[in-house]
Amino acid sequence: MTHYNHAYRLYCRPMAKILFLFILSFIFGHWLAFITHPVSSVSVAVPASANGNWGLSFQQEGQPPIGNATSDYLKQFNAHYMADTQEKILYLTFDAGYENGNTPAILDALKKHKAPAAFFLVGNYLTTSPDLVKRMVAEGHIVGNHTFHHPDMSKISTKESFSKELGSLEDLYEQVTEQKMQRFYRPPQGKYSESNLQMAKDLGYHTFFWSLAYVDWYEDKQPSHEEAFKKLLNRVHPGAIVLLHSTSKTNGEILDELLTRWEEMGYQFRSLSELAAEPASDT
């Protein structure tokens, strides 16, 4: 019996070491996968988040992505990242921090396709490019609020400061266009907090994130036409809120063809006003 116990202990020791190494490698592998896969590419369901940077997980081509906050969570704040529909409709939106010559081509393409869009502008754009702002309004587009100074709004904790960022842009817009601004808000860089969402709602705003975008904002590192089409055609889905940057030379060059190809896929373009007109949450 003693010989048996000794042999058993000799057998168990290496087995324990192997088991320990297996568990350690399993934990390390999952940790490494977590830190090396951003939200936009990892294929796992992402839970709702009350704070953070807006992000998307695309599970399947042609299907809606998962946002890092759910539609139901956002709905209580009159916030949106896509429409809940199987209809092939798209909502076109553009963020504009400054003007570098690409917006006229973008407006031309939108006019050709009779496609309504929303342009989320900051104070600098309204100050430096009032004629383009007036053209956006004259051609039936929405001008939305991207804040006056484009700060990280998730770090603004008081309603007074939050209201000032949006209110200053409203005042400037009214000076330029002699019209009241529609209360559509997009958080700069997609950074938000639950308190921000509530403050925007309290001020009468709808907040708009997005469900389709690509890396188009680096002026000195623009994507090729092929790269842009690959992202924007493969990931398009019913009810998408599309985010593009009007500073993108690529977007100015491809928009006419992009809208044509989406139309050939059966898509139609709708105004964000229709999405905002859906029954609001009272929660």
C-alpha atoms as a PDB file:
ATOM      1  CA  MET A   1       0.000   0.000   0.000  1.00  0.00           C
ATOM      2  CA  THR A   2       2.866   2.362   0.805  1.00  0.00           C
ATOM      3  CA  HIS A   3       4.410   1.751  -2.597  1.00  0.00           C
ATOM      4  CA  TYR A   4       1.032   2.459  -4.216  1.00  0.00           C
ATOM      5  CA  ASN A   5       0.586   5.785  -2.361  1.00  0.00           C
ATOM      6  CA  HIS A   6       4.093   6.877  -3.305  1.00  0.00           C
ATOM      7  CA  ALA A   7       3.472   6.069  -6.955  1.00  0.00           C
ATOM      8  CA  TYR A   8       0.117   7.868  -6.849  1.00  0.00           C
ATOM      9  CA  ARG A   9       1.756  11.019  -5.440  1.00  0.00           C
ATOM     10  CA  LEU A  10       4.427  10.915  -8.150  1.00  0.00           C
ATOM     11  CA  TYR A  11       1.662  10.660 -10.762  1.00  0.00           C
ATOM     12  CA  CYS A  12      -0.469  13.450  -9.323  1.00  0.00           C
ATOM     13  CA  ARG A  13       2.302  16.051  -9.010  1.00  0.00           C
ATOM     14  CA  PRO A  14       3.010  16.400 -12.736  1.00  0.00           C
ATOM     15  CA  MET A  15      -0.717  16.206 -13.496  1.00  0.00           C
ATOM     16  CA  ALA A  16      -1.364  19.060 -11.046  1.00  0.00           C
ATOM     17  CA  LYS A  17       1.351  21.120 -12.724  1.00  0.00           C
ATOM     18  CA  ILE A  18      -0.150  20.460 -16.150  1.00  0.00           C
ATOM     19  CA  LEU A  19      -3.614  21.410 -14.899  1.00  0.00           C
ATOM     20  CA  PHE A  20      -2.247  24.596 -13.314  1.00  0.00           C
ATOM     21  CA  LEU A  21      -0.441  25.595 -16.532  1.00  0.00           C
ATOM     22  CA  PHE A  22      -3.571  24.891 -18.567  1.00  0.00           C
ATOM     23  CA  ILE A  23      -5.714  27.127 -16.368  1.00  0.00           C
ATOM     24  CA  LEU A  24      -3.062  29.855 -16.404  1.00  0.00           C
ATOM     25  CA  SER A  25      -2.771  29.791 -20.202  1.00  0.00           C
ATOM     26  CA  PHE A  26      -6.578  29.849 -20.544  1.00  0.00           C
ATOM     27  CA  ILE A  27      -6.870  32.960 -18.370  1.00  0.00           C
ATOM     28  CA  PHE A  28      -3.952  34.687 -20.125  1.00  0.00           C
ATOM     29  CA  GLY A  29      -5.373  33.916 -23.551  1.00  0.00           C
ATOM     30  CA  HIS A  30      -8.740  35.444 -22.711  1.00  0.00           C
ATOM     31  CA  TRP A  31      -7.099  38.496 -21.150  1.00  0.00           C
ATOM     32  CA  LEU A  32      -4.932  38.996 -24.252  1.00  0.00           C
ATOM     33  CA  ALA A  33      -7.942  38.653 -26.555  1.00  0.00           C
ATOM     34  CA  PHE A  34      -9.824  41.244 -24.504  1.00  0.00           C
ATOM     35  CA  ILE A  35      -7.138  43.929 -24.634  1.00  0.00           C
ATOM     36  CA  THR A  36      -6.303  43.426 -28.311  1.00  0.00           C
ATOM     37  CA  HIS A  37      -9.865  43.555 -29.730  1.00  0.00           C
ATOM     38  CA  PRO A  38     -11.667  46.913 -29.697  1.00  0.00           C
ATOM     39  CA  VAL A  39     -15.427  47.155 -29.375  1.00  0.00           C
ATOM     40  CA  SER A  40     -15.791  47.795 -33.097  1.00  0.00           C
ATOM     41  CA  SER A  41     -14.433  44.387 -34.101  1.00  0.00           C
ATOM     42  CA  VAL A  42     -14.947  41.875 -31.324  1.00  0.00           C
ATOM     43  CA  SER A  43     -17.888  39.554 -31.983  1.00  0.00           C
ATOM     44  CA  VAL A  44     -19.520  39.432 -28.582  1.00  0.00           C
ATOM     45  CA  ALA A  45     -22.654  41.006 -27.228  1.00  0.00           C
ATOM     46  CA  VAL A  46     -21.837  44.230 -25.414  1.00  0.00           C
ATOM     47  CA  PRO A  47     -23.962  45.211 -22.406  1.00  0.00           C
ATOM     48  CA  ALA A  48     -25.640  48.577 -22.014  1.00  0.00           C
ATOM     49  CA  SER A  49     -23.399  51.253 -20.607  1.00  0.00           C
ATOM     50  CA  ALA A  50     -24.392  54.426 -18.799  1.00  0.00           C
ATOM     51  CA  ASN A  51     -21.049  56.113 -19.532  1.00  0.00           C
ATOM     52  CA  GLY A  52     -18.275  55.848 -22.062  1.00  0.00           C
ATOM     53  CA  ASN A  53     -17.351  56.198 -25.715  1.00  0.00           C
ATOM     54  CA  TRP A  54     -19.901  55.141 -28.289  1.00  0.00           C
ATOM     55  CA  GLY A  55     -18.822  51.920 -30.000  1.00  0.00           C
ATOM     56  CA  LEU A  56     -20.208  49.179 -32.235  1.00  0.00           C
ATOM     57  CA  SER A  57     -19.780  45.448 -32.688  1.00  0.00           C
ATOM     58  CA  PHE A  58     -20.588  44.167 -36.175  1.00  0.00           C
ATOM     59  CA  GLN A  59     -21.696  40.538 -35.976  1.00  0.00           C
ATOM     60  CA  GLN A  60     -22.740  39.873 -39.566  1.00  0.00           C
ATOM     61  CA  GLU A  61     -22.606  41.746 -42.859  1.00  0.00           C
ATOM     62  CA  GLY A  62     -25.857  43.459 -43.727  1.00  0.00           C
ATOM     63  CA  GLN A  63     -27.198  43.123 -40.186  1.00  0.00           C
ATOM     64  CA  PRO A  64     -27.484  45.828 -37.516  1.00  0.00           C
ATOM     65  CA  PRO A  65     -24.499  46.069 -35.162  1.00  0.00           C
ATOM     66  CA  ILE A  66     -24.666  45.901 -31.384  1.00  0.00           C
ATOM     67  CA  GLY A  67     -24.041  49.249 -29.706  1.00  0.00           C
ATOM     68  CA  ASN A  68     -22.431  49.573 -26.306  1.00  0.00           C
ATOM     69  CA  ALA A  69     -25.813  50.811 -25.094  1.00  0.00           C
ATOM     70  CA  THR A  70     -29.044  49.184 -26.207  1.00  0.00           C
ATOM     71  CA  SER A  71     -31.831  50.905 -28.116  1.00  0.00           C
ATOM     72  CA  ASP A  72     -34.193  50.351 -25.183  1.00  0.00           C
ATOM     73  CA  TYR A  73     -31.731  51.960 -22.774  1.00  0.00           C
ATOM     74  CA  LEU A  74     -31.272  54.973 -25.080  1.00  0.00           C
ATOM     75  CA  LYS A  75     -34.985  55.332 -25.758  1.00  0.00           C
ATOM     76  CA  GLN A  76     -35.686  56.539 -22.208  1.00  0.00           C
ATOM     77  CA  PHE A  77     -33.511  59.592 -22.975  1.00  0.00           C
ATOM     78  CA  ASN A  78     -34.939  60.221 -26.475  1.00  0.00           C
ATOM     79  CA  ALA A  79     -31.613  58.995 -27.844  1.00  0.00           C
ATOM     80  CA  HIS A  80     -31.073  56.858 -30.940  1.00  0.00           C
ATOM     81  CA  TYR A  81     -28.376  54.956 -32.796  1.00  0.00           C
ATOM     82  CA  MET A  82     -30.543  53.305 -35.462  1.00  0.00           C
ATOM     83  CA  ALA A  83     -34.194  52.783 -36.341  1.00  0.00           C
ATOM     84  CA  ASP A  84     -35.961  49.600 -35.293  1.00  0.00           C
ATOM     85  CA  THR A  85     -37.119  48.565 -38.754  1.00  0.00           C
ATOM     86  CA  GLN A  86     -36.671  45.979 -41.476  1.00  0.00           C
ATOM     87  CA  GLU A  87     -37.319  48.603 -44.146  1.00  0.00           C
ATOM     88  CA  LYS A  88     -34.331  49.530 -46.265  1.00  0.00           C
ATOM     89  CA  ILE A  89     -34.079  53.119 -45.091  1.00  0.00           C
ATOM     90  CA  LEU A  90     -30.994  55.144 -44.178  1.00  0.00           C
ATOM     91  CA  TYR A  91     -30.482  58.340 -42.212  1.00  0.00           C
ATOM     92  CA  LEU A  92     -27.493  60.310 -43.504  1.00  0.00           C
ATOM     93  CA  THR A  93     -25.574  62.468 -41.038  1.00  0.00           C
ATOM     94  CA  PHE A  94     -22.360  64.483 -41.298  1.00  0.00           C
ATOM     95  CA  ASP A  95     -20.169  65.878 -38.520  1.00  0.00           C
ATOM     96  CA  ALA A  96     -18.442  69.139 -39.380  1.00  0.00           C
ATOM     97  CA  GLY A  97     -15.865  70.752 -37.127  1.00  0.00           C
ATOM     98  CA  TYR A  98     -14.418  72.950 -39.858  1.00  0.00           C
ATOM     99  CA  GLU A  99     -14.642  73.489 -43.614  1.00  0.00           C
ATOM    100  CA  ASN A 100     -11.868  72.392 -45.971  1.00  0.00           C
ATOM    101  CA  GLY A 101     -13.575  72.446 -49.353  1.00  0.00           C
ATOM    102  CA  ASN A 102     -15.434  69.124 -49.469  1.00  0.00           C
ATOM    103  CA  THR A 103     -18.908  70.170 -48.337  1.00  0.00           C
ATOM    104  CA  PRO A 104     -20.049  71.691 -51.681  1.00  0.00           C
ATOM    105  CA  ALA A 105     -19.478  68.337 -53.449  1.00  0.00           C
ATOM    106  CA  ILE A 106     -21.317  66.552 -50.645  1.00  0.00           C
ATOM    107  CA  LEU A 107     -24.272  68.940 -50.929  1.00  0.00           C
ATOM    108  CA  ASP A 108     -24.276  68.518 -54.718  1.00  0.00           C
ATOM    109  CA  ALA A 109     -24.513  64.725 -54.386  1.00  0.00           C
ATOM    110  CA  LEU A 110     -27.290  64.959 -51.796  1.00  0.00           C
ATOM    111  CA  LYS A 111     -29.240  67.343 -54.029  1.00  0.00           C
ATOM    112  CA  LYS A 112     -28.825  65.061 -57.062  1.00  0.00           C
ATOM    113  CA  HIS A 113     -30.244  62.086 -55.137  1.00  0.00           C
ATOM    114  CA  LYS A 114     -32.874  64.149 -53.280  1.00  0.00           C
ATOM    115  CA  ALA A 115     -31.414  62.747 -50.068  1.00  0.00           C
ATOM    116  CA  PRO A 116     -32.082  64.652 -46.829  1.00  0.00           C
ATOM    117  CA  ALA A 117     -29.200  64.779 -44.359  1.00  0.00           C
ATOM    118  CA  ALA A 118     -28.325  66.188 -40.956  1.00  0.00           C
ATOM    119  CA  PHE A 119     -25.152  68.229 -40.459  1.00  0.00           C
ATOM    120  CA  PHE A 120     -23.949  68.390 -36.856  1.00  0.00           C
ATOM    121  CA  LEU A 121     -21.958  71.624 -36.596  1.00  0.00           C
ATOM    122  CA  VAL A 122     -19.755  73.339 -34.016  1.00  0.00           C
ATOM    123  CA  GLY A 123     -19.314  77.053 -33.360  1.00  0.00           C
ATOM    124  CA  ASN A 124     -16.240  77.386 -35.570  1.00  0.00           C
ATOM    125  CA  TYR A 125     -18.130  76.110 -38.613  1.00  0.00           C
ATOM    126  CA  LEU A 126     -21.002  78.544 -38.189  1.00  0.00           C
ATOM    127  CA  THR A 127     -18.552  81.428 -37.760  1.00  0.00           C
ATOM    128  CA  THR A 128     -16.320  80.622 -40.749  1.00  0.00           C
ATOM    129  CA  SER A 129     -18.817  79.118 -43.228  1.00  0.00           C
ATOM    130  CA  PRO A 130     -22.185  80.874 -42.837  1.00  0.00           C
ATOM    131  CA  ASP A 131     -22.986  80.634 -46.558  1.00  0.00           C
ATOM    132  CA  LEU A 132     -22.671  76.854 -46.521  1.00  0.00           C
ATOM    133  CA  VAL A 133     -24.854  76.688 -43.424  1.00  0.00           C
ATOM    134  CA  LYS A 134     -27.491  78.753 -45.226  1.00  0.00           C
ATOM    135  CA  ARG A 135     -27.227  76.433 -48.223  1.00  0.00           C
ATOM    136  CA  MET A 136     -27.773  73.377 -45.989  1.00  0.00           C
ATOM    137  CA  VAL A 137     -30.948  74.958 -44.633  1.00  0.00           C
ATOM    138  CA  ALA A 138     -32.177  76.165 -48.039  1.00  0.00           C
ATOM    139  CA  GLU A 139     -31.779  72.668 -49.507  1.00  0.00           C
ATOM    140  CA  GLY A 140     -33.843  71.086 -46.753  1.00  0.00           C
ATOM    141  CA  HIS A 141     -31.159  69.592 -44.518  1.00  0.00           C
ATOM    142  CA  ILE A 142     -31.152  69.591 -40.734  1.00  0.00           C
ATOM    143  CA  VAL A 143     -28.442  71.504 -38.918  1.00  0.00           C
ATOM    144  CA  GLY A 144     -27.838  69.805 -35.588  1.00  0.00           C
ATOM    145  CA  ASN A 145     -25.948  70.740 -32.442  1.00  0.00           C
ATOM    146  CA  HIS A 146     -22.433  69.319 -32.053  1.00  0.00           C
ATOM    147  CA  THR A 147     -21.737  71.811 -29.206  1.00  0.00           C
ATOM    148  CA  PHE A 148     -20.004  75.175 -29.474  1.00  0.00           C
ATOM    149  CA  HIS A 149     -16.460  74.146 -28.495  1.00  0.00           C
ATOM    150  CA  HIS A 150     -16.488  70.354 -29.157  1.00  0.00           C
ATOM    151  CA  PRO A 151     -15.407  69.340 -25.618  1.00  0.00           C
ATOM    152  CA  ASP A 152     -15.615  65.945 -23.933  1.00  0.00           C
ATOM    153  CA  MET A 153     -19.188  66.407 -22.720  1.00  0.00           C
ATOM    154  CA  SER A 154     -19.021  63.338 -20.466  1.00  0.00           C
ATOM    155  CA  LYS A 155     -16.780  65.409 -18.161  1.00  0.00           C
ATOM    156  CA  ILE A 156     -19.381  68.163 -17.839  1.00  0.00           C
ATOM    157  CA  SER A 157     -21.350  67.441 -14.694  1.00  0.00           C
ATOM    158  CA  THR A 158     -23.513  70.547 -14.251  1.00  0.00           C
ATOM    159  CA  LYS A 159     -26.637  71.306 -16.216  1.00  0.00           C
ATOM    160  CA  GLU A 160     -25.591  74.969 -16.428  1.00  0.00           C
ATOM    161  CA  SER A 161     -22.329  74.169 -18.262  1.00  0.00           C
ATOM    162  CA  PHE A 162     -24.008  71.559 -20.434  1.00  0.00           C
ATOM    163  CA  SER A 163     -26.779  73.963 -21.385  1.00  0.00           C
ATOM    164  CA  LYS A 164     -24.268  76.724 -22.191  1.00  0.00           C
ATOM    165  CA  GLU A 165     -22.403  74.531 -24.726  1.00  0.00           C
ATOM    166  CA  LEU A 166     -25.616  73.796 -26.598  1.00  0.00           C
ATOM    167  CA  GLY A 167     -27.286  77.155 -26.051  1.00  0.00           C
ATOM    168  CA  SER A 168     -24.327  79.165 -27.385  1.00  0.00           C
ATOM    169  CA  LEU A 169     -24.499  77.224 -30.642  1.00  0.00           C
ATOM    170  CA  GLU A 170     -28.272  77.699 -30.849  1.00  0.00           C
ATOM    171  CA  ASP A 171     -27.815  81.468 -30.519  1.00  0.00           C
ATOM    172  CA  LEU A 172     -25.137  81.583 -33.217  1.00  0.00           C
ATOM    173  CA  TYR A 173     -27.238  79.446 -35.568  1.00  0.00           C
ATOM    174  CA  GLU A 174     -30.175  81.813 -35.115  1.00  0.00           C
ATOM    175  CA  GLN A 175     -27.945  84.810 -35.900  1.00  0.00           C
ATOM    176  CA  VAL A 176     -26.710  83.158 -39.116  1.00  0.00           C
ATOM    177  CA  THR A 177     -30.003  81.735 -40.399  1.00  0.00           C
ATOM    178  CA  GLU A 178     -32.653  83.803 -38.598  1.00  0.00           C
ATOM    179  CA  GLN A 179     -34.297  80.491 -37.701  1.00  0.00           C
ATOM    180  CA  LYS A 180     -34.606  78.436 -34.548  1.00  0.00           C
ATOM    181  CA  MET A 181     -32.335  75.410 -34.402  1.00  0.00           C
ATOM    182  CA  GLN A 182     -33.921  71.960 -34.333  1.00  0.00           C
ATOM    183  CA  ARG A 183     -32.958  70.312 -31.077  1.00  0.00           C
ATOM    184  CA  PHE A 184     -30.904  67.427 -32.401  1.00  0.00           C
ATOM    185  CA  TYR A 185     -27.656  66.761 -30.553  1.00  0.00           C
ATOM    186  CA  ARG A 186     -24.620  64.597 -31.256  1.00  0.00           C
ATOM    187  CA  PRO A 187     -22.018  64.223 -28.475  1.00  0.00           C
ATOM    188  CA  PRO A 188     -18.511  65.174 -29.659  1.00  0.00           C
ATOM    189  CA  GLN A 189     -16.390  62.055 -30.268  1.00  0.00           C
ATOM    190  CA  GLY A 190     -19.381  59.983 -29.151  1.00  0.00           C
ATOM    191  CA  LYS A 191     -18.446  60.546 -25.500  1.00  0.00           C
ATOM    192  CA  TYR A 192     -21.437  60.522 -23.198  1.00  0.00           C
ATOM    193  CA  SER A 193     -22.740  59.834 -19.717  1.00  0.00           C
ATOM    194  CA  GLU A 194     -26.174  58.979 -18.439  1.00  0.00           C
ATOM    195  CA  SER A 195     -26.446  62.386 -16.800  1.00  0.00           C
ATOM    196  CA  ASN A 196     -25.590  64.020 -20.171  1.00  0.00           C
ATOM    197  CA  LEU A 197     -28.333  62.067 -21.901  1.00  0.00           C
ATOM    198  CA  GLN A 198     -30.821  63.137 -19.241  1.00  0.00           C
ATOM    199  CA  MET A 199     -29.707  66.788 -19.447  1.00  0.00           C
ATOM    200  CA  ALA A 200     -30.127  66.779 -23.233  1.00  0.00           C
ATOM    201  CA  LYS A 201     -33.616  65.325 -22.876  1.00  0.00           C
ATOM    202  CA  ASP A 202     -34.504  67.913 -20.221  1.00  0.00           C
ATOM    203  CA  LEU A 203     -33.457  70.633 -22.678  1.00  0.00           C
ATOM    204  CA  GLY A 204     -35.794  69.193 -25.314  1.00  0.00           C
ATOM    205  CA  TYR A 205     -33.093  67.493 -27.379  1.00  0.00           C
ATOM    206  CA  HIS A 206     -32.958  64.166 -29.168  1.00  0.00           C
ATOM    207  CA  THR A 207     -29.466  62.649 -29.013  1.00  0.00           C
ATOM    208  CA  PHE A 208     -28.154  60.836 -32.085  1.00  0.00           C
ATOM    209  CA  PHE A 209     -25.325  58.320 -32.135  1.00  0.00           C
ATOM    210  CA  TRP A 210     -24.774  56.105 -35.202  1.00  0.00           C
ATOM    211  CA  SER A 211     -24.790  52.508 -36.435  1.00  0.00           C
ATOM    212  CA  LEU A 212     -22.571  52.856 -39.505  1.00  0.00           C
ATOM    213  CA  ALA A 213     -19.317  54.785 -39.821  1.00  0.00           C
ATOM    214  CA  TYR A 214     -15.701  54.297 -40.799  1.00  0.00           C
ATOM    215  CA  VAL A 215     -12.359  55.978 -40.150  1.00  0.00           C
ATOM    216  CA  ASP A 216     -12.671  58.991 -42.444  1.00  0.00           C
ATOM    217  CA  TRP A 217     -11.648  61.909 -40.202  1.00  0.00           C
ATOM    218  CA  TYR A 218      -7.849  61.955 -40.570  1.00  0.00           C
ATOM    219  CA  GLU A 219      -7.267  64.619 -43.209  1.00  0.00           C
ATOM    220  CA  ASP A 220      -3.708  63.473 -43.965  1.00  0.00           C
ATOM    221  CA  LYS A 221      -4.599  59.750 -44.010  1.00  0.00           C
ATOM    222  CA  GLN A 222      -7.712  59.438 -46.111  1.00  0.00           C
ATOM    223  CA  PRO A 223      -9.069  55.978 -46.985  1.00  0.00           C
ATOM    224  CA  SER A 224      -9.029  54.886 -50.616  1.00  0.00           C
ATOM    225  CA  HIS A 225     -12.292  54.676 -52.515  1.00  0.00           C
ATOM    226  CA  GLU A 226     -12.097  50.878 -52.344  1.00  0.00           C
ATOM    227  CA  GLU A 227     -11.627  50.892 -48.560  1.00  0.00           C
ATOM    228  CA  ALA A 228     -14.564  53.258 -48.120  1.00  0.00           C
ATOM    229  CA  PHE A 229     -16.912  51.207 -50.307  1.00  0.00           C
ATOM    230  CA  LYS A 230     -15.893  47.966 -48.594  1.00  0.00           C
ATOM    231  CA  LYS A 231     -16.877  49.325 -45.164  1.00  0.00           C
ATOM    232  CA  LEU A 232     -19.943  51.326 -46.169  1.00  0.00           C
ATOM    233  CA  LEU A 233     -21.510  48.801 -48.535  1.00  0.00           C
ATOM    234  CA  ASN A 234     -20.818  45.609 -46.595  1.00  0.00           C
ATOM    235  CA  ARG A 235     -21.983  47.003 -43.261  1.00  0.00           C
ATOM    236  CA  VAL A 236     -25.054  48.912 -44.405  1.00  0.00           C
ATOM    237  CA  HIS A 237     -28.278  47.667 -42.814  1.00  0.00           C
ATOM    238  CA  PRO A 238     -31.963  48.640 -42.534  1.00  0.00           C
ATOM    239  CA  GLY A 239     -32.553  51.662 -40.321  1.00  0.00           C
ATOM    240  CA  ALA A 240     -28.888  52.709 -40.180  1.00  0.00           C
ATOM    241  CA  ILE A 241     -27.901  56.127 -38.932  1.00  0.00           C
ATOM    242  CA  VAL A 242     -24.830  56.776 -41.071  1.00  0.00           C
ATOM    243  CA  LEU A 243     -22.046  59.005 -39.742  1.00  0.00           C
ATOM    244  CA  LEU A 244     -19.659  60.570 -42.255  1.00  0.00           C
ATOM    245  CA  HIS A 245     -17.337  63.545 -41.852  1.00  0.00           C
ATOM    246  CA  SER A 246     -17.680  66.408 -44.289  1.00  0.00           C
ATOM    247  CA  THR A 247     -13.957  67.122 -43.940  1.00  0.00           C
ATOM    248  CA  SER A 248     -13.207  63.848 -45.757  1.00  0.00           C
ATOM    249  CA  LYS A 249     -11.889  64.274 -49.301  1.00  0.00           C
ATOM    250  CA  THR A 250     -12.813  60.649 -49.964  1.00  0.00           C
ATOM    251  CA  ASN A 251     -16.416  61.260 -48.936  1.00  0.00           C
ATOM    252  CA  GLY A 252     -16.651  64.269 -51.234  1.00  0.00           C
ATOM    253  CA  GLU A 253     -15.359  62.176 -54.127  1.00  0.00           C
ATOM    254  CA  ILE A 254     -17.419  59.004 -53.593  1.00  0.00           C
ATOM    255  CA  LEU A 255     -20.738  60.245 -52.211  1.00  0.00           C
ATOM    256  CA  ASP A 256     -22.563  60.386 -55.556  1.00  0.00           C
ATOM    257  CA  GLU A 257     -21.517  56.822 -56.424  1.00  0.00           C
ATOM    258  CA  LEU A 258     -22.091  55.630 -52.843  1.00  0.00           C
ATOM    259  CA  LEU A 259     -25.681  56.914 -52.817  1.00  0.00           C
ATOM    260  CA  THR A 260     -26.241  55.341 -56.247  1.00  0.00           C
ATOM    261  CA  ARG A 261     -24.977  51.970 -55.061  1.00  0.00           C
ATOM    262  CA  TRP A 262     -27.110  52.094 -51.907  1.00  0.00           C
ATOM    263  CA  GLU A 263     -30.126  52.918 -54.092  1.00  0.00           C
ATOM    264  CA  GLU A 264     -29.298  49.932 -56.308  1.00  0.00           C
ATOM    265  CA  MET A 265     -29.366  47.807 -53.129  1.00  0.00           C
ATOM    266  CA  GLY A 266     -32.933  49.022 -52.526  1.00  0.00           C
ATOM    267  CA  TYR A 267     -32.258  51.702 -49.904  1.00  0.00           C
ATOM    268  CA  GLN A 268     -34.099  55.005 -49.532  1.00  0.00           C
ATOM    269  CA  PHE A 269     -32.986  58.078 -47.602  1.00  0.00           C
ATOM    270  CA  ARG A 270     -35.058  59.589 -44.821  1.00  0.00           C
ATOM    271  CA  SER A 271     -34.769  62.578 -42.499  1.00  0.00           C
ATOM    272  CA  LEU A 272     -33.861  62.260 -38.837  1.00  0.00           C
ATOM    273  CA  SER A 273     -37.018  64.264 -38.177  1.00  0.00           C
ATOM    274  CA  GLU A 274     -39.042  61.122 -38.939  1.00  0.00           C
ATOM    275  CA  LEU A 275     -37.044  59.120 -36.404  1.00  0.00           C
ATOM    276  CA  ALA A 276     -37.411  61.820 -33.761  1.00  0.00           C
ATOM    277  CA  ALA A 277     -41.164  62.010 -34.422  1.00  0.00           C
ATOM    278  CA  GLU A 278     -41.669  58.450 -33.208  1.00  0.00           C
ATOM    279  CA  PRO A 279     -43.452  58.266 -29.824  1.00  0.00           C
ATOM    280  CA  ALA A 280     -41.103  59.615 -27.154  1.00  0.00           C
ATOM    281  CA  SER A 281     -40.385  57.844 -23.889  1.00  0.00           C
ATOM    282  CA  ASP A 282     -41.841  59.274 -20.695  1.00  0.00           C
ATOM    283  CA  THR A 283     -39.483  57.345 -18.446  1.00  0.00           C
END
